[in-house]
Every structure is written in structure tokens, then in C-alpha cells.
Amino acid sequence: MEITERPGLARLLTLEPVGGNLLRAAAEDAPSHPGARLFGGQVAAQALMAAGHTVPADRAAHSAHGHFLRAGDPRLPVDYRVEEMRAGSSFTTRRVVAEQNGAAIFLLTASFQVEEEGLRHQTPRSAAPDPETLPPAIEAMASAGEPSLSWFRTFSATFPLDLRFDGELPRVAVARGERRPPKQRFWLRSARPLGDDALLHAGAAAFATDVFLLSSSLPPHGLKAGDPGLVFASLDHTVWFHRPFRADEWFLYDQESFWADRGRALCRGLIFDREGVLVATVMQEALVRAPRTRPGP
């Protein structure tokens, strides 16, 4: 199957004003096979962009809480209807419904805040090698063997991101028949420059927060995304933006799944900048149903 590279994040997150508080994202240019689903991070990022377009420029996104309602079809445009919930002196809140064919596929509540100073502390700390000291992800995958390399070629063509893995990605060990703790971390950034629009950087960061996060719940069970019979889908997704940062500069994404049961898994992501400052926190819950025939121990 021929792999067509997708456009950069700036283009993916561009919305067309339709009228009032309605904005539209175009259908994807590349043909999609029947049954293909829109990437959840893309829908969440576009919804955040839609909300931000209705907010004064002096207010930055500080939280976004989303619920995935239906799978999106990449062959169809997505309409984002923005409802103005509150406009206070410090905070502005918006509600966004993403729709296709008149049916809601995603619901987002986003809050924006005027910049201000306040008490400051941070307990999580990052200690990772600089991204420049790590091999490009395509080289790391090449040493992992052809199946992992083939998977990553498809990933790279689908997601306009640059990555550096801190250690072996757990799915590579799982492909060898091993099990790993529910943790992984890597550096990433937009593959292309994004300019200076703070809202675009927030949207690009929201897009990136959905990358690999749910897959951190699978290595203890000897599973990986794409395994036959594995039912694996996002239920909800939350991002707290602690301070603005550039999504086209390296940031560290530290992921962990600390609970799974009853057909669900909960995953957390911590995002740090180059100086080790915690710039965002992510929580995501997923539907995870194991194949009827489980891998052996």
C-alpha cells in the first residue's frame, strides 16, 4: 500500500469560518479506506482551535476536557460549533461540539485565562538525555527489525512530528514476546515550524498529547496497538496547560498508565520543556478489551 505523507500541523489545524460561531475543518486530502477513523488528537486540537478563535487574544488556553462520542470519518469535513459559556474578568469558557453528518462525534470544554503571576511549585522532575544525544526515531526503529520499522514508517507518514525515543519503545519488546512496565517517554516536536501564534502552538500540543499515550497501558499484558482482536479506543482526554510553550521546539513527554480494570485503562502524561519545567499535564481514559486469545506469559 502506498503511503502518502500528510500535511504539517499548521495546515491540519486550519479551520474555515462558516458563520457565527461555526468553524469547519476540511476532509483529509489523502484517500482513506472504509472504516478508517479520524485521529482523536486531531479532533481535540481542532476543537481547541475553534474555541480559541472566539476568545480575546490576551487569554491563553489553560485546560481542555474532551469526550469522544463516535468515531470520526476522515473522508468527511468536521463542523465545530462553539458555545460561549462564560466570559469573566480572568477566565473565559467555551463549549465545542464536533459534528459530522449532523451527529456529534466529540465534545470539548475549554477554559482560557488572562496571564497573571501566582504561587509557584513543581514536584515532578525530569531527568532525560538531551534529544540531540538520541538517534532519530527512524534509526532506532531500524535497529529494532523490519516489523517495527514498517510500523514506524506508517506512523511517520501519518503524524507530522519529529521524535527521539529515550530508550526502547515498549512495543518493540512486546513484538519480541516480552512484557514491560506501563511506562514510556520520548522527545517530540512539530516536524515543521509553526510561527508565533500561541493558539496554534496550544493546538499542536493538544494534537501531540494523544500520540502513544493509551498504548502505555498495554506492555504489562504483552499487547500492542494494532494486535488482532484488541479493542482500543479513547473515551476522554484532558490537557492542562500550565504555561505556554512552543510545540515546534523539543519537549519531553513522560507517559504512564497506573490503572487498568473493567475494560478501561487510565493513563497520565507529563510534558516538560528543555529546562525541566512542567508545562502541561495530560490524563486520558480508554476502552481496552483484550483479544479472546491472550498472548502467553
Foldseek 3Di string as FASTA:
>chain_A
DDFAAFDFLLLLLDWDDDDDLKIKGAAGPDDDDPPDFDQPLSVQLNLLLSQVVVDDLQWAWFKKKKFFDATHDSRGMKMKGKDFDDDDPFKTKIWIFIDDPRDTGMIMIIMIGHDDDDDDDDDDFDDADDQVVADWPLVVQVVLDDVSNVVVVNVCRYHQKTKGWRDDDLVSVLVVVAADALKTKIKMAGNDADPDRQSSQVSLVSSVVSPCQQQSVPRNQSDGPPPPQKDKFWGMKMKGFQDGDGRRAIKMKIKGWDDDDPQKTKMKIFIAHPVGDTGMIMITMMRIDAGPDGRDD
